[in-house]
PDB file of N, CA and C in Angstrom:
ATOM      1  N   LYS A   1       0.889  -1.178   0.000  1.00  0.00           N
ATOM      2  CA  LYS A   1      -0.059   0.088  -0.054  1.00  0.00           C
ATOM      3  C   LYS A   1       0.818   1.239   0.096  1.00  0.00           C
ATOM      4  N   HIS A   2       0.328   2.287  -0.675  1.00  0.00           N
ATOM      5  CA  HIS A   2       1.057   3.532  -0.704  1.00  0.00           C
ATOM      6  C   HIS A   2       0.445   4.501   0.342  1.00  0.00           C
ATOM      7  N   GLN A   3       1.358   4.919   1.241  1.00  0.00           N
ATOM      8  CA  GLN A   3       0.901   5.854   2.324  1.00  0.00           C
ATOM      9  C   GLN A   3       1.218   7.292   1.757  1.00  0.00           C
ATOM     10  N   HIS A   4       0.175   8.113   1.998  1.00  0.00           N
ATOM     11  CA  HIS A   4       0.375   9.483   1.644  1.00  0.00           C
ATOM     12  C   HIS A   4       0.724  10.260   2.868  1.00  0.00           C
ATOM     13  N   SER A   5       1.894  10.847   2.762  1.00  0.00           N
ATOM     14  CA  SER A   5       2.487  11.666   3.926  1.00  0.00           C
ATOM     15  C   SER A   5       2.286  13.153   3.485  1.00  0.00           C
ATOM     16  N   SER A   6       1.870  13.823   4.499  1.00  0.00           N
ATOM     17  CA  SER A   6       1.688  15.300   4.350  1.00  0.00           C
ATOM     18  C   SER A   6       3.001  15.950   4.543  1.00  0.00           C
ATOM     19  N   SER A   7       3.512  16.660   3.549  1.00  0.00           N
ATOM     20  CA  SER A   7       4.779  17.308   3.670  1.00  0.00           C
ATOM     21  C   SER A   7       4.587  18.794   3.568  1.00  0.00           C
ATOM     22  N   SER A   8       3.331  19.207   3.479  1.00  0.00           N
ATOM     23  CA  SER A   8       3.142  20.723   3.466  1.00  0.00           C
ATOM     24  C   SER A   8       3.217  21.279   4.844  1.00  0.00           C
ATOM     25  N   PRO A   9       3.728  22.498   4.927  1.00  0.00           N
ATOM     26  CA  PRO A   9       3.851  23.074   6.283  1.00  0.00           C
ATOM     27  C   PRO A   9       2.514  23.303   6.905  1.00  0.00           C
ATOM     28  N   ALA A  10       2.560  23.356   8.208  1.00  0.00           N
ATOM     29  CA  ALA A  10       1.303  23.480   8.944  1.00  0.00           C
ATOM     30  C   ALA A  10       0.717  25.062   8.615  1.00  0.00           C
ATOM     31  N   THR A  11      -0.448  25.248   8.612  1.00  0.00           N
ATOM     32  CA  THR A  11      -1.081  26.524   8.391  1.00  0.00           C
ATOM     33  C   THR A  11      -0.958  27.218   9.677  1.00  0.00           C
ATOM     34  N   PRO A  12      -0.360  28.524   9.636  1.00  0.00           N
ATOM     35  CA  PRO A  12      -0.331  29.296  10.804  1.00  0.00           C
ATOM     36  C   PRO A  12      -1.641  29.687  11.296  1.00  0.00           C
ATOM     37  N   PRO A  13      -1.758  29.998  12.546  1.00  0.00           N
ATOM     38  CA  PRO A  13      -3.053  30.408  13.059  1.00  0.00           C
ATOM     39  C   PRO A  13      -3.405  31.834  12.584  1.00  0.00           C
ATOM     40  N   PRO A  14      -4.606  32.158  12.413  1.00  0.00           N
ATOM     41  CA  PRO A  14      -5.039  33.497  11.963  1.00  0.00           C
ATOM     42  C   PRO A  14      -4.401  34.677  12.901  1.00  0.00           C
ATOM     43  N   ALA A  15      -3.971  35.743  12.189  1.00  0.00           N
ATOM     44  CA  ALA A  15      -3.485  36.887  13.007  1.00  0.00           C
ATOM     45  C   ALA A  15      -4.628  37.444  13.880  1.00  0.00           C
ATOM     46  N   ARG A  16      -4.164  37.865  15.037  1.00  0.00           N
ATOM     47  CA  ARG A  16      -5.215  38.501  15.956  1.00  0.00           C
ATOM     48  C   ARG A  16      -5.314  39.953  15.511  1.00  0.00           C
ATOM     49  N   VAL A  17      -6.557  40.482  15.431  1.00  0.00           N
ATOM     50  CA  VAL A  17      -6.726  41.758  15.035  1.00  0.00           C
ATOM     51  C   VAL A  17      -7.295  42.577  16.245  1.00  0.00           C
ATOM     52  N   ASP A  18      -6.688  43.712  16.568  1.00  0.00           N
ATOM     53  CA  ASP A  18      -7.284  44.507  17.595  1.00  0.00           C
ATOM     54  C   ASP A  18      -8.292  45.398  17.104  1.00  0.00           C
ATOM     55  N   LEU A  19      -9.634  44.804  17.218  1.00  0.00           N
ATOM     56  CA  LEU A  19     -10.682  45.634  16.570  1.00  0.00           C
ATOM     57  C   LEU A  19     -10.953  47.019  17.161  1.00  0.00           C
ATOM     58  N   ALA A  20     -10.653  47.071  18.442  1.00  0.00           N
ATOM     59  CA  ALA A  20     -10.815  48.436  19.045  1.00  0.00           C
ATOM     60  C   ALA A  20      -9.863  49.367  18.484  1.00  0.00           C
ATOM     61  N   GLN A  21      -8.572  48.975  18.277  1.00  0.00           N
ATOM     62  CA  GLN A  21      -7.664  49.887  17.608  1.00  0.00           C
ATOM     63  C   GLN A  21      -8.054  50.172  16.206  1.00  0.00           C
ATOM     64  N   LEU A  22      -8.468  49.181  15.463  1.00  0.00           N
ATOM     65  CA  LEU A  22      -8.887  49.439  14.163  1.00  0.00           C
ATOM     66  C   LEU A  22     -10.051  50.448  14.038  1.00  0.00           C
ATOM     67  N   TYR A  23     -10.903  50.254  14.945  1.00  0.00           N
ATOM     68  CA  TYR A  23     -12.125  51.224  15.030  1.00  0.00           C
ATOM     69  C   TYR A  23     -11.620  52.640  15.258  1.00  0.00           C
ATOM     70  N   ARG A  24     -10.750  52.827  16.287  1.00  0.00           N
ATOM     71  CA  ARG A  24     -10.247  54.086  16.640  1.00  0.00           C
ATOM     72  C   ARG A  24      -9.515  54.766  15.379  1.00  0.00           C
ATOM     73  N   GLU A  25      -8.733  53.929  14.667  1.00  0.00           N
ATOM     74  CA  GLU A  25      -8.057  54.463  13.500  1.00  0.00           C
ATOM     75  C   GLU A  25      -9.049  54.883  12.319  1.00  0.00           C
ATOM     76  N   ALA A  26     -10.065  54.115  12.217  1.00  0.00           N
ATOM     77  CA  ALA A  26     -11.100  54.420  11.185  1.00  0.00           C
ATOM     78  C   ALA A  26     -11.843  55.690  11.590  1.00  0.00           C
ATOM     79  N   VAL A  27     -12.208  55.807  12.835  1.00  0.00           N
ATOM     80  CA  VAL A  27     -12.858  57.109  13.245  1.00  0.00           C
ATOM     81  C   VAL A  27     -12.054  58.251  13.121  1.00  0.00           C
ATOM     82  N   GLU A  28     -10.818  58.100  13.442  1.00  0.00           N
ATOM     83  CA  GLU A  28      -9.845  59.213  13.318  1.00  0.00           C
ATOM     84  C   GLU A  28      -9.588  59.628  11.799  1.00  0.00           C
ATOM     85  N   TYR A  29      -9.506  58.683  10.970  1.00  0.00           N
ATOM     86  CA  TYR A  29      -9.458  58.991   9.512  1.00  0.00           C
ATOM     87  C   TYR A  29     -10.684  59.732   9.006  1.00  0.00           C
ATOM     88  N   VAL A  30     -11.837  59.248   9.359  1.00  0.00           N
ATOM     89  CA  VAL A  30     -13.033  59.925   8.903  1.00  0.00           C
ATOM     90  C   VAL A  30     -13.129  61.306   9.528  1.00  0.00           C
ATOM     91  N   ARG A  31     -12.799  61.489  10.702  1.00  0.00           N
ATOM     92  CA  ARG A  31     -12.765  62.808  11.365  1.00  0.00           C
ATOM     93  C   ARG A  31     -11.797  63.716  10.752  1.00  0.00           C
ATOM     94  N   SER A  32     -10.542  63.184  10.331  1.00  0.00           N
ATOM     95  CA  SER A  32      -9.549  64.076   9.769  1.00  0.00           C
ATOM     96  C   SER A  32     -10.104  64.638   8.335  1.00  0.00           C
ATOM     97  N   LEU A  33     -10.817  63.721   7.622  1.00  0.00           N
ATOM     98  CA  LEU A  33     -11.336  64.237   6.392  1.00  0.00           C
ATOM     99  C   LEU A  33     -12.370  65.334   6.520  1.00  0.00           C
ATOM    100  N   HIS A  34     -13.178  65.143   7.557  1.00  0.00           N
ATOM    101  CA  HIS A  34     -14.347  65.941   7.802  1.00  0.00           C
ATOM    102  C   HIS A  34     -13.973  67.301   8.402  1.00  0.00           C
ATOM    103  N   THR A  35     -12.806  67.390   9.099  1.00  0.00           N
ATOM    104  CA  THR A  35     -12.474  68.548   9.811  1.00  0.00           C
ATOM    105  C   THR A  35     -11.092  69.196   9.294  1.00  0.00           C
ATOM    106  N   ARG A  36     -10.632  68.658   8.210  1.00  0.00           N
ATOM    107  CA  ARG A  36      -9.331  69.208   7.677  1.00  0.00           C
ATOM    108  C   ARG A  36      -9.572  70.650   7.144  1.00  0.00           C
ATOM    109  N   ALA A  37      -8.502  71.366   6.998  1.00  0.00           N
ATOM    110  CA  ALA A  37      -8.571  72.749   6.554  1.00  0.00           C
ATOM    111  C   ALA A  37      -9.257  72.855   5.191  1.00  0.00           C
ATOM    112  N   CYS A  38     -10.119  73.706   5.014  1.00  0.00           N
ATOM    113  CA  CYS A  38     -10.781  73.930   3.699  1.00  0.00           C
ATOM    114  C   CYS A  38     -10.042  75.107   3.051  1.00  0.00           C
ATOM    115  N   GLU A  39      -9.289  74.788   1.974  1.00  0.00           N
ATOM    116  CA  GLU A  39      -8.412  75.780   1.342  1.00  0.00           C
ATOM    117  C   GLU A  39      -9.215  76.712   0.410  1.00  0.00           C
ATOM    118  N   ASP A  40      -8.788  78.048   0.443  1.00  0.00           N
ATOM    119  CA  ASP A  40      -9.399  79.055  -0.362  1.00  0.00           C
ATOM    120  C   ASP A  40      -9.205  78.798  -1.836  1.00  0.00           C
ATOM    121  N   ASP A  41      -8.076  78.187  -2.216  1.00  0.00           N
ATOM    122  CA  ASP A  41      -7.724  77.961  -3.527  1.00  0.00           C
ATOM    123  C   ASP A  41      -8.501  76.825  -4.207  1.00  0.00           C
ATOM    124  N   GLY A  42      -9.405  76.223  -3.534  1.00  0.00           N
ATOM    125  CA  GLY A  42     -10.173  75.078  -4.156  1.00  0.00           C
ATOM    126  C   GLY A  42      -9.460  73.749  -4.217  1.00  0.00           C
ATOM    127  N   SER A  43      -8.384  73.568  -3.444  1.00  0.00           N
ATOM    128  CA  SER A  43      -7.600  72.357  -3.572  1.00  0.00           C
ATOM    129  C   SER A  43      -8.125  71.333  -2.648  1.00  0.00           C
ATOM    130  N   THR A  44      -9.027  71.588  -1.716  1.00  0.00           N
ATOM    131  CA  THR A  44      -9.601  70.619  -0.862  1.00  0.00           C
ATOM    132  C   THR A  44     -10.625  69.799  -1.637  1.00  0.00           C
ATOM    133  N   PRO A  45     -10.487  68.470  -1.773  1.00  0.00           N
ATOM    134  CA  PRO A  45     -11.440  67.739  -2.557  1.00  0.00           C
ATOM    135  C   PRO A  45     -12.799  67.635  -1.722  1.00  0.00           C
ATOM    136  N   VAL A  46     -13.834  68.049  -2.305  1.00  0.00           N
ATOM    137  CA  VAL A  46     -15.148  68.009  -1.608  1.00  0.00           C
ATOM    138  C   VAL A  46     -16.208  67.252  -2.561  1.00  0.00           C
ATOM    139  N   LEU A  47     -17.184  66.827  -1.758  1.00  0.00           N
ATOM    140  CA  LEU A  47     -18.423  66.278  -2.387  1.00  0.00           C
ATOM    141  C   LEU A  47     -19.523  67.081  -1.968  1.00  0.00           C
ATOM    142  N   VAL A  48     -20.251  67.795  -2.886  1.00  0.00           N
ATOM    143  CA  VAL A  48     -21.435  68.591  -2.486  1.00  0.00           C
ATOM    144  C   VAL A  48     -22.633  67.774  -2.669  1.00  0.00           C
ATOM    145  N   TYR A  49     -23.507  67.755  -1.685  1.00  0.00           N
ATOM    146  CA  TYR A  49     -24.725  66.884  -1.744  1.00  0.00           C
ATOM    147  C   TYR A  49     -25.814  67.843  -1.324  1.00  0.00           C
ATOM    148  N   ARG A  50     -26.846  67.912  -2.151  1.00  0.00           N
ATOM    149  CA  ARG A  50     -28.056  68.756  -1.832  1.00  0.00           C
ATOM    150  C   ARG A  50     -29.125  67.807  -1.398  1.00  0.00           C
ATOM    151  N   VAL A  51     -29.617  68.119  -0.225  1.00  0.00           N
ATOM    152  CA  VAL A  51     -30.736  67.432   0.414  1.00  0.00           C
ATOM    153  C   VAL A  51     -32.032  67.933  -0.078  1.00  0.00           C
ATOM    154  N   HIS A  52     -32.951  67.148  -0.649  1.00  0.00           N
ATOM    155  CA  HIS A  52     -34.199  67.613  -1.122  1.00  0.00           C
ATOM    156  C   HIS A  52     -35.299  67.072  -0.137  1.00  0.00           C
ATOM    157  N   LEU A  53     -36.423  67.810  -0.264  1.00  0.00           N
ATOM    158  CA  LEU A  53     -37.503  67.312   0.660  1.00  0.00           C
ATOM    159  C   LEU A  53     -37.977  65.866   0.178  1.00  0.00           C
ATOM    160  N   ALA A  54     -37.721  64.937   1.028  1.00  0.00           N
ATOM    161  CA  ALA A  54     -38.020  63.499   0.725  1.00  0.00           C
ATOM    162  C   ALA A  54     -38.573  62.737   1.894  1.00  0.00           C
ATOM    163  N   GLY A  55     -38.838  63.405   2.927  1.00  0.00           N
ATOM    164  CA  GLY A  55     -39.268  62.625   4.088  1.00  0.00           C
ATOM    165  C   GLY A  55     -37.981  62.400   5.081  1.00  0.00           C
ATOM    166  N   TRP A  56     -38.264  62.440   6.334  1.00  0.00           N
ATOM    167  CA  TRP A  56     -37.299  62.483   7.396  1.00  0.00           C
ATOM    168  C   TRP A  56     -36.265  61.225   7.143  1.00  0.00           C
ATOM    169  N   GLY A  57     -36.832  60.015   7.078  1.00  0.00           N
ATOM    170  CA  GLY A  57     -36.011  58.771   6.959  1.00  0.00           C
ATOM    171  C   GLY A  57     -35.121  58.833   5.618  1.00  0.00           C
ATOM    172  N   ASN A  58     -35.740  59.369   4.554  1.00  0.00           N
ATOM    173  CA  ASN A  58     -35.051  59.367   3.318  1.00  0.00           C
ATOM    174  C   ASN A  58     -33.951  60.347   3.381  1.00  0.00           C
ATOM    175  N   GLU A  59     -34.155  61.502   4.009  1.00  0.00           N
ATOM    176  CA  GLU A  59     -33.147  62.602   4.161  1.00  0.00           C
ATOM    177  C   GLU A  59     -32.011  62.040   4.965  1.00  0.00           C
ATOM    178  N   LEU A  60     -32.234  61.529   6.114  1.00  0.00           N
ATOM    179  CA  LEU A  60     -31.196  60.929   7.014  1.00  0.00           C
ATOM    180  C   LEU A  60     -30.451  59.892   6.276  1.00  0.00           C
ATOM    181  N   SER A  61     -31.113  58.990   5.658  1.00  0.00           N
ATOM    182  CA  SER A  61     -30.410  57.967   4.840  1.00  0.00           C
ATOM    183  C   SER A  61     -29.494  58.481   3.755  1.00  0.00           C
ATOM    184  N   THR A  62     -29.958  59.485   3.025  1.00  0.00           N
ATOM    185  CA  THR A  62     -29.221  59.940   1.947  1.00  0.00           C
ATOM    186  C   THR A  62     -28.014  60.815   2.418  1.00  0.00           C
ATOM    187  N   VAL A  63     -28.176  61.536   3.601  1.00  0.00           N
ATOM    188  CA  VAL A  63     -27.010  62.237   4.140  1.00  0.00           C
ATOM    189  C   VAL A  63     -25.963  61.237   4.603  1.00  0.00           C
ATOM    190  N   ILE A  64     -26.356  60.164   5.214  1.00  0.00           N
ATOM    191  CA  ILE A  64     -25.342  59.161   5.740  1.00  0.00           C
ATOM    192  C   ILE A  64     -24.714  58.525   4.465  1.00  0.00           C
ATOM    193  N   ASN A  65     -25.441  58.202   3.411  1.00  0.00           N
ATOM    194  CA  ASN A  65     -24.897  57.638   2.267  1.00  0.00           C
ATOM    195  C   ASN A  65     -23.942  58.647   1.564  1.00  0.00           C
ATOM    196  N   ALA A  66     -24.280  59.849   1.488  1.00  0.00           N
ATOM    197  CA  ALA A  66     -23.382  60.829   0.872  1.00  0.00           C
ATOM    198  C   ALA A  66     -22.100  60.979   1.686  1.00  0.00           C
ATOM    199  N   PHE A  67     -22.172  60.936   3.095  1.00  0.00           N
ATOM    200  CA  PHE A  67     -20.984  60.915   3.915  1.00  0.00           C
ATOM    201  C   PHE A  67     -20.141  59.775   3.726  1.00  0.00           C
ATOM    202  N   ALA A  68     -20.675  58.505   3.525  1.00  0.00           N
ATOM    203  CA  ALA A  68     -19.894  57.395   3.247  1.00  0.00           C
ATOM    204  C   ALA A  68     -19.212  57.487   1.840  1.00  0.00           C
ATOM    205  N   HIS A  69     -19.914  58.027   0.890  1.00  0.00           N
ATOM    206  CA  HIS A  69     -19.324  58.186  -0.419  1.00  0.00           C
ATOM    207  C   HIS A  69     -18.221  59.056  -0.388  1.00  0.00           C
ATOM    208  N   ALA A  70     -18.383  60.309   0.193  1.00  0.00           N
ATOM    209  CA  ALA A  70     -17.282  61.252   0.293  1.00  0.00           C
ATOM    210  C   ALA A  70     -16.075  60.646   1.017  1.00  0.00           C
ATOM    211  N   THR A  71     -16.311  59.855   2.118  1.00  0.00           N
ATOM    212  CA  THR A  71     -15.235  59.299   2.813  1.00  0.00           C
ATOM    213  C   THR A  71     -14.425  58.269   1.970  1.00  0.00           C
ATOM    214  N   ALA A  72     -15.182  57.429   1.215  1.00  0.00           N
ATOM    215  CA  ALA A  72     -14.615  56.497   0.446  1.00  0.00           C
ATOM    216  C   ALA A  72     -13.711  57.107  -0.703  1.00  0.00           C
ATOM    217  N   GLU A  73     -14.040  58.337  -1.115  1.00  0.00           N
ATOM    218  CA  GLU A  73     -13.261  59.043  -2.153  1.00  0.00           C
ATOM    219  C   GLU A  73     -12.270  60.062  -1.524  1.00  0.00           C
ATOM    220  N   GLY A  74     -12.167  60.097  -0.147  1.00  0.00           N
ATOM    221  CA  GLY A  74     -11.159  60.964   0.401  1.00  0.00           C
ATOM    222  C   GLY A  74     -11.576  62.467   0.263  1.00  0.00           C
ATOM    223  N   ARG A  75     -12.824  62.690   0.204  1.00  0.00           N
ATOM    224  CA  ARG A  75     -13.384  64.124   0.087  1.00  0.00           C
ATOM    225  C   ARG A  75     -14.002  64.549   1.372  1.00  0.00           C
ATOM    226  N   THR A  76     -14.159  65.809   1.439  1.00  0.00           N
ATOM    227  CA  THR A  76     -14.880  66.469   2.587  1.00  0.00           C
ATOM    228  C   THR A  76     -16.302  66.793   2.075  1.00  0.00           C
ATOM    229  N   LEU A  77     -17.287  66.364   2.939  1.00  0.00           N
ATOM    230  CA  LEU A  77     -18.660  66.442   2.446  1.00  0.00           C
ATOM    231  C   LEU A  77     -19.230  67.888   2.790  1.00  0.00           C
ATOM    232  N   ILE A  78     -19.904  68.415   1.822  1.00  0.00           N
ATOM    233  CA  ILE A  78     -20.697  69.737   1.966  1.00  0.00           C
ATOM    234  C   ILE A  78     -22.101  69.336   1.727  1.00  0.00           C
ATOM    235  N   VAL A  79     -23.013  69.538   2.753  1.00  0.00           N
ATOM    236  CA  VAL A  79     -24.429  69.192   2.594  1.00  0.00           C
ATOM    237  C   VAL A  79     -25.098  70.589   2.398  1.00  0.00           C
ATOM    238  N   ALA A  80     -25.694  70.869   1.273  1.00  0.00           N
ATOM    239  CA  ALA A  80     -26.476  71.943   1.037  1.00  0.00           C
ATOM    240  C   ALA A  80     -27.950  71.489   0.978  1.00  0.00           C
ATOM    241  N   HIS A  81     -28.816  72.221   1.796  1.00  0.00           N
ATOM    242  CA  HIS A  81     -30.132  71.739   1.843  1.00  0.00           C
ATOM    243  C   HIS A  81     -31.159  72.885   1.766  1.00  0.00           C
ATOM    244  N   GLU A  82     -32.308  72.569   1.415  1.00  0.00           N
ATOM    245  CA  GLU A  82     -33.361  73.575   1.294  1.00  0.00           C
ATOM    246  C   GLU A  82     -33.677  74.076   2.706  1.00  0.00           C
ATOM    247  N   ASP A  83     -34.161  75.322   2.815  1.00  0.00           N
ATOM    248  CA  ASP A  83     -34.437  75.906   4.003  1.00  0.00           C
ATOM    249  C   ASP A  83     -35.321  75.100   4.947  1.00  0.00           C
ATOM    250  N   ARG A  84     -36.334  74.550   4.393  1.00  0.00           N
ATOM    251  CA  ARG A  84     -37.285  73.771   5.135  1.00  0.00           C
ATOM    252  C   ARG A  84     -37.345  72.384   4.701  1.00  0.00           C
ATOM    253  N   THR A  85     -36.290  71.600   4.980  1.00  0.00           N
ATOM    254  CA  THR A  85     -36.340  70.144   4.746  1.00  0.00           C
ATOM    255  C   THR A  85     -37.182  69.500   5.795  1.00  0.00           C
ATOM    256  N   THR A  86     -37.629  68.294   5.573  1.00  0.00           N
ATOM    257  CA  THR A  86     -38.495  67.573   6.545  1.00  0.00           C
ATOM    258  C   THR A  86     -37.751  67.399   7.802  1.00  0.00           C
ATOM    259  N   LEU A  87     -36.417  67.154   7.621  1.00  0.00           N
ATOM    260  CA  LEU A  87     -35.556  66.959   8.859  1.00  0.00           C
ATOM    261  C   LEU A  87     -35.740  68.169   9.791  1.00  0.00           C
ATOM    262  N   SER A  88     -35.654  69.314   9.334  1.00  0.00           N
ATOM    263  CA  SER A  88     -35.764  70.487  10.215  1.00  0.00           C
ATOM    264  C   SER A  88     -37.171  70.841  10.499  1.00  0.00           C
ATOM    265  N   SER A  89     -38.111  70.534   9.695  1.00  0.00           N
ATOM    266  CA  SER A  89     -39.445  70.891  10.015  1.00  0.00           C
ATOM    267  C   SER A  89     -40.295  70.006  10.839  1.00  0.00           C
ATOM    268  N   LEU A  90     -39.900  68.741  10.843  1.00  0.00           N
ATOM    269  CA  LEU A  90     -40.763  67.776  11.610  1.00  0.00           C
ATOM    270  C   LEU A  90     -40.136  67.367  12.954  1.00  0.00           C
ATOM    271  N   THR A  91     -38.995  67.693  13.265  1.00  0.00           N
ATOM    272  CA  THR A  91     -38.340  67.318  14.440  1.00  0.00           C
ATOM    273  C   THR A  91     -37.723  68.478  15.141  1.00  0.00           C
ATOM    274  N   LYS A  92     -37.340  68.231  16.397  1.00  0.00           N
ATOM    275  CA  LYS A  92     -36.553  69.264  17.101  1.00  0.00           C
ATOM    276  C   LYS A  92     -35.099  69.280  16.719  1.00  0.00           C
ATOM    277  N   TYR A  93     -34.678  68.380  15.934  1.00  0.00           N
ATOM    278  CA  TYR A  93     -33.250  68.261  15.597  1.00  0.00           C
ATOM    279  C   TYR A  93     -32.975  69.005  14.311  1.00  0.00           C
ATOM    280  N   SER A  94     -31.771  69.531  14.264  1.00  0.00           N
ATOM    281  CA  SER A  94     -31.225  70.157  13.037  1.00  0.00           C
ATOM    282  C   SER A  94     -30.330  69.187  12.331  1.00  0.00           C
ATOM    283  N   GLN A  95     -29.910  69.534  11.235  1.00  0.00           N
ATOM    284  CA  GLN A  95     -28.917  68.738  10.423  1.00  0.00           C
ATOM    285  C   GLN A  95     -27.715  68.612  11.156  1.00  0.00           C
ATOM    286  N   ALA A  96     -27.278  69.619  11.892  1.00  0.00           N
ATOM    287  CA  ALA A  96     -26.013  69.614  12.649  1.00  0.00           C
ATOM    288  C   ALA A  96     -26.029  68.644  13.829  1.00  0.00           C
ATOM    289  N   ASP A  97     -27.192  68.280  14.326  1.00  0.00           N
ATOM    290  CA  ASP A  97     -27.383  67.253  15.345  1.00  0.00           C
ATOM    291  C   ASP A  97     -27.093  65.905  14.848  1.00  0.00           C
ATOM    292  N   ILE A  98     -27.382  65.682  13.605  1.00  0.00           N
ATOM    293  CA  ILE A  98     -27.130  64.401  12.885  1.00  0.00           C
ATOM    294  C   ILE A  98     -25.728  64.185  12.474  1.00  0.00           C
ATOM    295  N   LEU A  99     -25.186  65.257  11.795  1.00  0.00           N
ATOM    296  CA  LEU A  99     -23.885  65.186  11.212  1.00  0.00           C
ATOM    297  C   LEU A  99     -23.233  66.585  11.315  1.00  0.00           C
ATOM    298  N   LEU A 100     -22.222  66.679  12.233  1.00  0.00           N
ATOM    299  CA  LEU A 100     -21.641  68.071  12.344  1.00  0.00           C
ATOM    300  C   LEU A 100     -21.151  68.618  11.028  1.00  0.00           C
ATOM    301  N   PRO A 101     -21.303  69.913  10.809  1.00  0.00           N
ATOM    302  CA  PRO A 101     -20.883  70.537   9.595  1.00  0.00           C
ATOM    303  C   PRO A 101     -19.358  70.315   9.408  1.00  0.00           C
ATOM    304  N   SER A 102     -18.955  70.056   8.215  1.00  0.00           N
ATOM    305  CA  SER A 102     -17.562  69.900   7.871  1.00  0.00           C
ATOM    306  C   SER A 102     -16.920  71.234   7.952  1.00  0.00           C
ATOM    307  N   SER A 103     -15.621  71.295   7.853  1.00  0.00           N
ATOM    308  CA  SER A 103     -14.827  72.451   7.838  1.00  0.00           C
ATOM    309  C   SER A 103     -15.197  73.351   6.752  1.00  0.00           C
ATOM    310  N   CYS A 104     -15.420  72.764   5.510  1.00  0.00           N
ATOM    311  CA  CYS A 104     -15.757  73.476   4.272  1.00  0.00           C
ATOM    312  C   CYS A 104     -17.237  74.065   4.464  1.00  0.00           C
ATOM    313  N   GLU A 105     -18.139  73.337   5.108  1.00  0.00           N
ATOM    314  CA  GLU A 105     -19.468  73.844   5.426  1.00  0.00           C
ATOM    315  C   GLU A 105     -19.440  75.098   6.301  1.00  0.00           C
ATOM    316  N   LYS A 106     -18.659  74.990   7.361  1.00  0.00           N
ATOM    317  CA  LYS A 106     -18.515  76.207   8.276  1.00  0.00           C
ATOM    318  C   LYS A 106     -17.932  77.308   7.601  1.00  0.00           C
ATOM    319  N   LYS A 107     -16.921  77.037   6.775  1.00  0.00           N
ATOM    320  CA  LYS A 107     -16.237  78.215   5.991  1.00  0.00           C
ATOM    321  C   LYS A 107     -17.189  78.887   5.025  1.00  0.00           C
ATOM    322  N   GLY A 108     -18.021  78.117   4.298  1.00  0.00           N
ATOM    323  CA  GLY A 108     -18.815  78.628   3.338  1.00  0.00           C
ATOM    324  C   GLY A 108     -20.211  78.936   3.749  1.00  0.00           C
ATOM    325  N   GLY A 109     -20.597  78.678   4.964  1.00  0.00           N
ATOM    326  CA  GLY A 109     -21.849  78.973   5.507  1.00  0.00           C
ATOM    327  C   GLY A 109     -22.981  78.012   5.044  1.00  0.00           C
ATOM    328  N   TYR A 110     -22.624  76.777   4.653  1.00  0.00           N
ATOM    329  CA  TYR A 110     -23.541  75.728   4.325  1.00  0.00           C
ATOM    330  C   TYR A 110     -23.944  74.937   5.544  1.00  0.00           C
ATOM    331  N   GLY A 111     -24.944  74.129   5.254  1.00  0.00           N
ATOM    332  CA  GLY A 111     -25.303  73.210   6.335  1.00  0.00           C
ATOM    333  C   GLY A 111     -26.162  73.749   7.448  1.00  0.00           C
ATOM    334  N   GLY A 112     -26.574  72.829   8.266  1.00  0.00           N
ATOM    335  CA  GLY A 112     -27.508  73.039   9.411  1.00  0.00           C
ATOM    336  C   GLY A 112     -27.280  74.338  10.117  1.00  0.00           C
ATOM    337  N   ASP A 113     -26.597  74.302  11.179  1.00  0.00           N
ATOM    338  CA  ASP A 113     -26.282  75.425  12.046  1.00  0.00           C
ATOM    339  C   ASP A 113     -24.898  76.047  11.805  1.00  0.00           C
ATOM    340  N   ALA A 114     -24.351  75.814  10.711  1.00  0.00           N
ATOM    341  CA  ALA A 114     -23.053  76.317  10.329  1.00  0.00           C
ATOM    342  C   ALA A 114     -22.973  77.843  10.371  1.00  0.00           C
ATOM    343  N   LYS A 115     -22.020  78.390  10.920  1.00  0.00           N
ATOM    344  CA  LYS A 115     -22.005  79.844  11.005  1.00  0.00           C
ATOM    345  C   LYS A 115     -20.665  80.329  10.369  1.00  0.00           C
TER     346      LYS A 115
END
């Protein structure tokens, strides 16, 4: 009889990942994009998203989606919205309560309570 011997090296155990550290680094990266200096010369990559009247849930969902899209592309999000979106008219919350205005929103006067 022919016996099959296993000569392949043993598979190493999977590397341990520090999920808490990974989470902290991800949050810091997103925060750095959102709060980085907004340059006057237009060199700051931005994504401008206009919120339309679409119902509170839709508005919230689309703002979060736009934020994820901007982050994936390394851009700073600018949310421009109509004066009376459902989000501001049906709740006690403003847009700034959901997503703090980015550095470019603050500088340009866009967004919820940006000044």
